[in-house]
C-alpha atoms as a PDB file:
ATOM      1  CA  ASN A   1      29.521   9.568  41.057  1.00  0.00           C
ATOM      2  CA  ARG A   2      28.922   5.866  40.468  1.00  0.00           C
ATOM      3  CA  ALA A   3      26.595   3.922  38.202  1.00  0.00           C
ATOM      4  CA  PHE A   4      26.456   0.497  36.638  1.00  0.00           C
ATOM      5  CA  PRO A   5      27.541   0.464  32.976  1.00  0.00           C
ATOM      6  CA  ALA A   6      24.299  -1.313  31.956  1.00  0.00           C
ATOM      7  CA  VAL A   7      22.244   1.500  33.509  1.00  0.00           C
ATOM      8  CA  LEU A   8      24.265   4.144  31.662  1.00  0.00           C
ATOM      9  CA  ASP A   9      23.904   2.223  28.382  1.00  0.00           C
ATOM     10  CA  THR A  10      20.144   1.979  28.851  1.00  0.00           C
ATOM     11  CA  LEU A  11      19.895   5.675  29.669  1.00  0.00           C
ATOM     12  CA  ALA A  12      21.959   6.513  26.566  1.00  0.00           C
ATOM     13  CA  ASP A  13      19.644   4.361  24.400  1.00  0.00           C
ATOM     14  CA  VAL A  14      16.552   6.072  25.797  1.00  0.00           C
ATOM     15  CA  ILE A  15      18.035   9.546  25.206  1.00  0.00           C
ATOM     16  CA  LYS A  16      19.099   8.554  21.663  1.00  0.00           C
ATOM     17  CA  HIS A  17      15.604   7.251  20.866  1.00  0.00           C
ATOM     18  CA  TYR A  18      13.944  10.376  22.296  1.00  0.00           C
ATOM     19  CA  THR A  19      16.313  12.670  20.358  1.00  0.00           C
ATOM     20  CA  MET A  20      15.688  10.806  17.094  1.00  0.00           C
ATOM     21  CA  THR A  21      11.928  10.912  17.687  1.00  0.00           C
ATOM     22  CA  ILE A  22      12.016  14.662  18.326  1.00  0.00           C
ATOM     23  CA  GLY A  23      14.051  15.109  15.129  1.00  0.00           C
ATOM     24  CA  SER A  24      11.618  13.117  12.996  1.00  0.00           C
ATOM     25  CA  HIS A  25       8.624  14.966  14.484  1.00  0.00           C
ATOM     26  CA  ALA A  26      10.343  18.325  13.913  1.00  0.00           C
ATOM     27  CA  HIS A  27      11.049  17.331  10.311  1.00  0.00           C
ATOM     28  CA  ALA A  28       7.374  16.443   9.842  1.00  0.00           C
ATOM     29  CA  VAL A  29       6.298  19.792  11.372  1.00  0.00           C
ATOM     30  CA  ALA A  30       8.647  21.642   8.995  1.00  0.00           C
ATOM     31  CA  GLY A  31       7.317  19.591   6.066  1.00  0.00           C
ATOM     32  CA  HIS A  32       3.731  20.488   6.965  1.00  0.00           C
ATOM     33  CA  GLY A  33       4.798  24.110   7.006  1.00  0.00           C
ATOM     34  CA  GLY A  34       6.236  23.787   3.488  1.00  0.00           C
ATOM     35  CA  ARG A  35       9.858  24.108   4.641  1.00  0.00           C
ATOM     36  CA  THR A  36      12.781  21.792   4.026  1.00  0.00           C
ATOM     37  CA  GLU A  37      14.928  22.966   6.927  1.00  0.00           C
ATOM     38  CA  VAL A  38      13.958  22.515  10.569  1.00  0.00           C
ATOM     39  CA  SER A  39      13.896  25.615  12.759  1.00  0.00           C
ATOM     40  CA  ALA A  40      13.896  26.056  16.543  1.00  0.00           C
ATOM     41  CA  ILE A  41      10.138  26.661  16.441  1.00  0.00           C
ATOM     42  CA  ASP A  42       9.676  23.278  14.726  1.00  0.00           C
ATOM     43  CA  MET A  43      11.776  21.642  17.460  1.00  0.00           C
ATOM     44  CA  LEU A  44       9.656  23.264  20.192  1.00  0.00           C
ATOM     45  CA  ALA A  45       6.449  22.151  18.462  1.00  0.00           C
ATOM     46  CA  ALA A  46       7.808  18.590  18.235  1.00  0.00           C
ATOM     47  CA  MET A  47       8.746  18.586  21.922  1.00  0.00           C
ATOM     48  CA  LYS A  48       5.285  19.859  22.801  1.00  0.00           C
ATOM     49  CA  GLN A  49       3.721  17.048  20.761  1.00  0.00           C
ATOM     50  CA  LEU A  50       5.834  14.433  22.531  1.00  0.00           C
ATOM     51  CA  SER A  51       5.484  15.726  26.061  1.00  0.00           C
ATOM     52  CA  PRO A  52       2.888  13.865  28.106  1.00  0.00           C
ATOM     53  CA  ASP A  53      -0.008  15.690  29.670  1.00  0.00           C
ATOM     54  CA  ALA A  54       0.590  16.706  33.247  1.00  0.00           C
ATOM     55  CA  VAL A  55      -0.841  14.154  35.638  1.00  0.00           C
ATOM     56  CA  ASN A  56      -0.902  14.551  39.376  1.00  0.00           C
ATOM     57  CA  TRP A  57      -0.599  11.749  41.885  1.00  0.00           C
ATOM     58  CA  ARG A  58      -4.291  11.852  42.805  1.00  0.00           C
ATOM     59  CA  GLU A  59      -5.288  11.041  39.226  1.00  0.00           C
ATOM     60  CA  LEU A  60      -2.801   8.166  39.153  1.00  0.00           C
ATOM     61  CA  LYS A  61      -4.126   6.854  42.455  1.00  0.00           C
ATOM     62  CA  GLN A  62      -7.714   7.154  41.223  1.00  0.00           C
ATOM     63  CA  PHE A  63      -6.790   5.260  38.056  1.00  0.00           C
ATOM     64  CA  ALA A  64      -4.875   2.514  39.824  1.00  0.00           C
ATOM     65  CA  PHE A  65      -7.177   2.107  42.825  1.00  0.00           C
ATOM     66  CA  ASN A  66     -10.898   2.249  42.463  1.00  0.00           C
ATOM     67  CA  GLU A  67     -11.169   3.359  46.003  1.00  0.00           C
ATOM     68  CA  ASP A  68     -13.677   1.624  48.224  1.00  0.00           C
ATOM     69  CA  GLU A  69     -14.597   2.876  51.639  1.00  0.00           C
ATOM     70  CA  ASP A  70     -11.273   1.702  53.000  1.00  0.00           C
ATOM     71  CA  GLY A  71      -9.367   2.993  49.911  1.00  0.00           C
ATOM     72  CA  THR A  72      -7.372  -0.179  49.332  1.00  0.00           C
ATOM     73  CA  SER A  73      -8.995  -2.261  46.564  1.00  0.00           C
ATOM     74  CA  TRP A  74      -6.865  -2.742  43.487  1.00  0.00           C
ATOM     75  CA  GLN A  75      -8.991  -2.809  40.346  1.00  0.00           C
ATOM     76  CA  GLN A  76      -7.278  -1.502  37.287  1.00  0.00           C
ATOM     77  CA  PRO A  77      -9.856  -1.019  34.513  1.00  0.00           C
ATOM     78  CA  PHE A  78      -9.404  -2.973  31.302  1.00  0.00           C
ATOM     79  CA  HIS A  79      -9.393  -0.994  28.056  1.00  0.00           C
ATOM     80  CA  ALA A  80     -12.123  -3.149  26.463  1.00  0.00           C
ATOM     81  CA  GLU A  81     -15.352  -4.557  27.796  1.00  0.00           C
ATOM     82  CA  ILE A  82     -15.145  -8.275  28.530  1.00  0.00           C
ATOM     83  CA  PRO A  83     -18.342 -10.193  27.764  1.00  0.00           C
ATOM     84  CA  HIS A  84     -19.852 -12.592  30.258  1.00  0.00           C
ATOM     85  CA  LEU A  85     -19.064 -16.226  29.624  1.00  0.00           C
ATOM     86  CA  PRO A  86     -20.197 -18.385  27.958  1.00  0.00           C
ATOM     87  CA  VAL A  87     -20.546 -16.195  24.894  1.00  0.00           C
ATOM     88  CA  ARG A  88     -23.619 -16.993  22.843  1.00  0.00           C
ATOM     89  CA  LYS A  89     -22.904 -17.766  19.245  1.00  0.00           C
ATOM     90  CA  ARG A  90     -24.788 -15.903  16.574  1.00  0.00           C
ATOM     91  CA  LYS A  91     -26.682 -17.905  14.030  1.00  0.00           C
ATOM     92  CA  ARG A  92     -25.016 -17.460  10.694  1.00  0.00           C
ATOM     93  CA  PRO A  93     -26.860 -17.795   7.420  1.00  0.00           C
ATOM     94  CA  HIS A  94     -25.943 -20.775   5.292  1.00  0.00           C
ATOM     95  CA  TYR A  95     -24.275 -20.174   1.983  1.00  0.00           C
ATOM     96  CA  ALA A  96     -26.786 -19.596  -0.768  1.00  0.00           C
ATOM     97  CA  THR A  97     -26.701 -21.750  -3.863  1.00  0.00           C
ATOM     98  CA  VAL A  98     -26.313 -20.162  -7.259  1.00  0.00           C
ATOM     99  CA  ASP A  99     -28.732 -20.976 -10.070  1.00  0.00           C
ATOM    100  CA  GLU A 100     -27.014 -22.348 -13.143  1.00  0.00           C
ATOM    101  CA  PRO A 101     -27.595 -20.191 -16.258  1.00  0.00           C
ATOM    102  CA  GLU A 102     -28.544 -21.711 -19.591  1.00  0.00           C
ATOM    103  CA  GLY A 103     -25.609 -23.044 -21.549  1.00  0.00           C
ATOM    104  CA  ALA A 104     -23.426 -23.388 -18.471  1.00  0.00           C
ATOM    105  CA  ALA A 105     -21.344 -26.508 -18.161  1.00  0.00           C
ATOM    106  CA  ALA A 106     -22.461 -29.146 -15.697  1.00  0.00           C
ATOM    107  CA  ARG A 107     -20.929 -28.571 -12.274  1.00  0.00           C
ATOM    108  CA  PRO A 108     -18.529 -31.370 -11.225  1.00  0.00           C
ATOM    109  CA  ASP A 109     -19.092 -32.907  -7.800  1.00  0.00           C
ATOM    110  CA  HIS A 110     -15.857 -31.509  -6.337  1.00  0.00           C
ATOM    111  CA  ILE A 111     -16.922 -27.861  -6.925  1.00  0.00           C
ATOM    112  CA  PRO A 112     -19.112 -26.453  -4.107  1.00  0.00           C
ATOM    113  CA  ALA A 113     -22.548 -25.098  -4.981  1.00  0.00           C
ATOM    114  CA  TRP A 114     -21.837 -21.637  -3.545  1.00  0.00           C
ATOM    115  CA  LEU A 115     -19.127 -20.893  -6.120  1.00  0.00           C
ATOM    116  CA  PRO A 116     -20.192 -19.051  -9.282  1.00  0.00           C
ATOM    117  CA  PRO A 117     -21.316 -21.228 -12.189  1.00  0.00           C
ATOM    118  CA  LEU A 118     -18.896 -22.421 -14.811  1.00  0.00           C
ATOM    119  CA  PRO A 119     -18.946 -20.528 -18.123  1.00  0.00           C
ATOM    120  CA  PRO A 120     -20.513 -22.052 -21.226  1.00  0.00           C
ATOM    121  CA  LYS A 121     -18.360 -24.749 -22.839  1.00  0.00           C
ATOM    122  CA  HIS A 122     -17.797 -22.838 -26.070  1.00  0.00           C
ATOM    123  CA  THR A 123     -15.794 -20.209 -24.169  1.00  0.00           C
ATOM    124  CA  TYR A 124     -13.069 -22.586 -23.072  1.00  0.00           C
ATOM    125  CA  LYS A 125     -13.307 -25.538 -25.454  1.00  0.00           C
ATOM    126  CA  LYS A 126     -10.482 -25.855 -27.944  1.00  0.00           C
ATOM    127  CA  SER A 127     -11.453 -24.464 -31.328  1.00  0.00           C
ATOM    128  CA  ARG A 128      -9.938 -25.193 -34.689  1.00  0.00           C
ATOM    129  CA  VAL A 129      -7.743 -22.408 -35.942  1.00  0.00           C
ATOM    130  CA  PRO A 130      -7.174 -22.175 -39.689  1.00  0.00           C
ATOM    131  CA  HIS A 131      -3.569 -22.688 -40.678  1.00  0.00           C
ATOM    132  CA  VAL A 132      -1.963 -19.542 -42.014  1.00  0.00           C
ATOM    133  CA  LYS A 133       0.471 -20.190 -44.801  1.00  0.00           C
ATOM    134  CA  GLY A 134       3.739 -18.421 -44.402  1.00  0.00           C
ATOM    135  CA  SER A 135       7.393 -18.853 -44.966  1.00  0.00           C
ATOM    136  CA  LYS A 136       9.343 -20.811 -42.411  1.00  0.00           C
ATOM    137  CA  ASP A 137      12.665 -19.766 -43.876  1.00  0.00           C
ATOM    138  CA  THR A 138      14.279 -17.753 -41.061  1.00  0.00           C
ATOM    139  CA  LYS A 139      16.849 -16.153 -43.341  1.00  0.00           C
ATOM    140  CA  LYS A 140      14.136 -14.820 -45.650  1.00  0.00           C
ATOM    141  CA  LEU A 141      12.030 -13.592 -42.686  1.00  0.00           C
ATOM    142  CA  ARG A 142      15.066 -11.753 -41.259  1.00  0.00           C
ATOM    143  CA  GLU A 143      15.755 -10.103 -44.634  1.00  0.00           C
ATOM    144  CA  GLN A 144      12.108  -8.952 -44.839  1.00  0.00           C
ATOM    145  CA  ARG A 145      12.272  -7.490 -41.347  1.00  0.00           C
ATOM    146  CA  VAL A 146      15.514  -5.623 -42.112  1.00  0.00           C
ATOM    147  CA  GLU A 147      13.972  -4.305 -45.333  1.00  0.00           C
ATOM    148  CA  ARG A 148      10.913  -3.018 -43.414  1.00  0.00           C
ATOM    149  CA  GLN A 149      13.194  -1.326 -40.865  1.00  0.00           C
ATOM    150  CA  HIS A 150      15.135   0.424 -43.657  1.00  0.00           C
ATOM    151  CA  LEU A 151      11.873   1.570 -45.245  1.00  0.00           C
ATOM    152  CA  VAL A 152      10.649   3.008 -41.933  1.00  0.00           C
ATOM    153  CA  GLN A 153      13.986   4.768 -41.328  1.00  0.00           C
ATOM    154  CA  SER A 154      14.007   6.299 -44.807  1.00  0.00           C
ATOM    155  CA  SER A 155      10.415   7.532 -44.297  1.00  0.00           C
ATOM    156  CA  ILE A 156      11.408   9.186 -41.020  1.00  0.00           C
ATOM    157  CA  ASN A 157      14.425  10.825 -42.686  1.00  0.00           C
ATOM    158  CA  LYS A 158      12.225  12.244 -45.464  1.00  0.00           C
ATOM    159  CA  LEU A 159       9.780  13.650 -42.879  1.00  0.00           C
ATOM    160  CA  GLU A 160      12.635  15.334 -41.013  1.00  0.00           C
ATOM    161  CA  GLU A 161      14.001  16.828 -44.247  1.00  0.00           C
ATOM    162  CA  ASN A 162      10.541  18.182 -45.149  1.00  0.00           C
ATOM    163  CA  ALA A 163      10.126  19.644 -41.669  1.00  0.00           C
ATOM    164  CA  LYS A 164      13.543  21.375 -41.871  1.00  0.00           C
ATOM    165  CA  ALA A 165      12.799  22.720 -45.358  1.00  0.00           C
ATOM    166  CA  GLY A 166       9.440  24.051 -44.183  1.00  0.00           C
ATOM    167  CA  ALA A 167      10.987  25.678 -41.092  1.00  0.00           C
ATOM    168  CA  GLY A 168      13.742  27.294 -43.188  1.00  0.00           C
ATOM    169  CA  ALA A 169      11.304  28.769 -45.711  1.00  0.00           C
ATOM    170  CA  GLY A 170       8.940  30.151 -43.070  1.00  0.00           C
ATOM    171  CA  GLY A 171      11.648  31.182 -40.627  1.00  0.00           C
ATOM    172  CA  GLY A 172      12.071  34.683 -42.111  1.00  0.00           C
ATOM    173  CA  LYS A 173       8.567  35.775 -41.143  1.00  0.00           C
ATOM    174  CA  GLY A 174       8.277  37.514 -37.832  1.00  0.00           C
END
């Protein structure tokens, strides 16, 4: 008959979360079955997936209390094995040095020896590029580009006309 509003709100949140989880699991079950709509069987399968395994109180007591002779020691097992302290450190191999190939640039002092060698200087040194003569007149360049575009468009139009003419001549054959 009576309950605190905070308790009711918490209960409503838990029920909402559980209902949404069942819905998403049922949707996944239907998807695995190759269906787009969820059926009652999908809902039951989702509820079965979400329901915890039945546990009796003896199993809970055995888990919580590793019973001694008097049955009162509290030793909850930890999920991972804890090593004895102090932990011995493993010896780790030192970084190997890399032999410099022929033609490689000399390694500067600030680059560690375990990094790969630098490439030969000719691969990154600035090379002279011959100057290509061309017009710098932007108006003339734009006119040439427009002319090329018109030439391409006219070539495409001719191809389409030839394709239509060929389809019309051969269209009577069956």
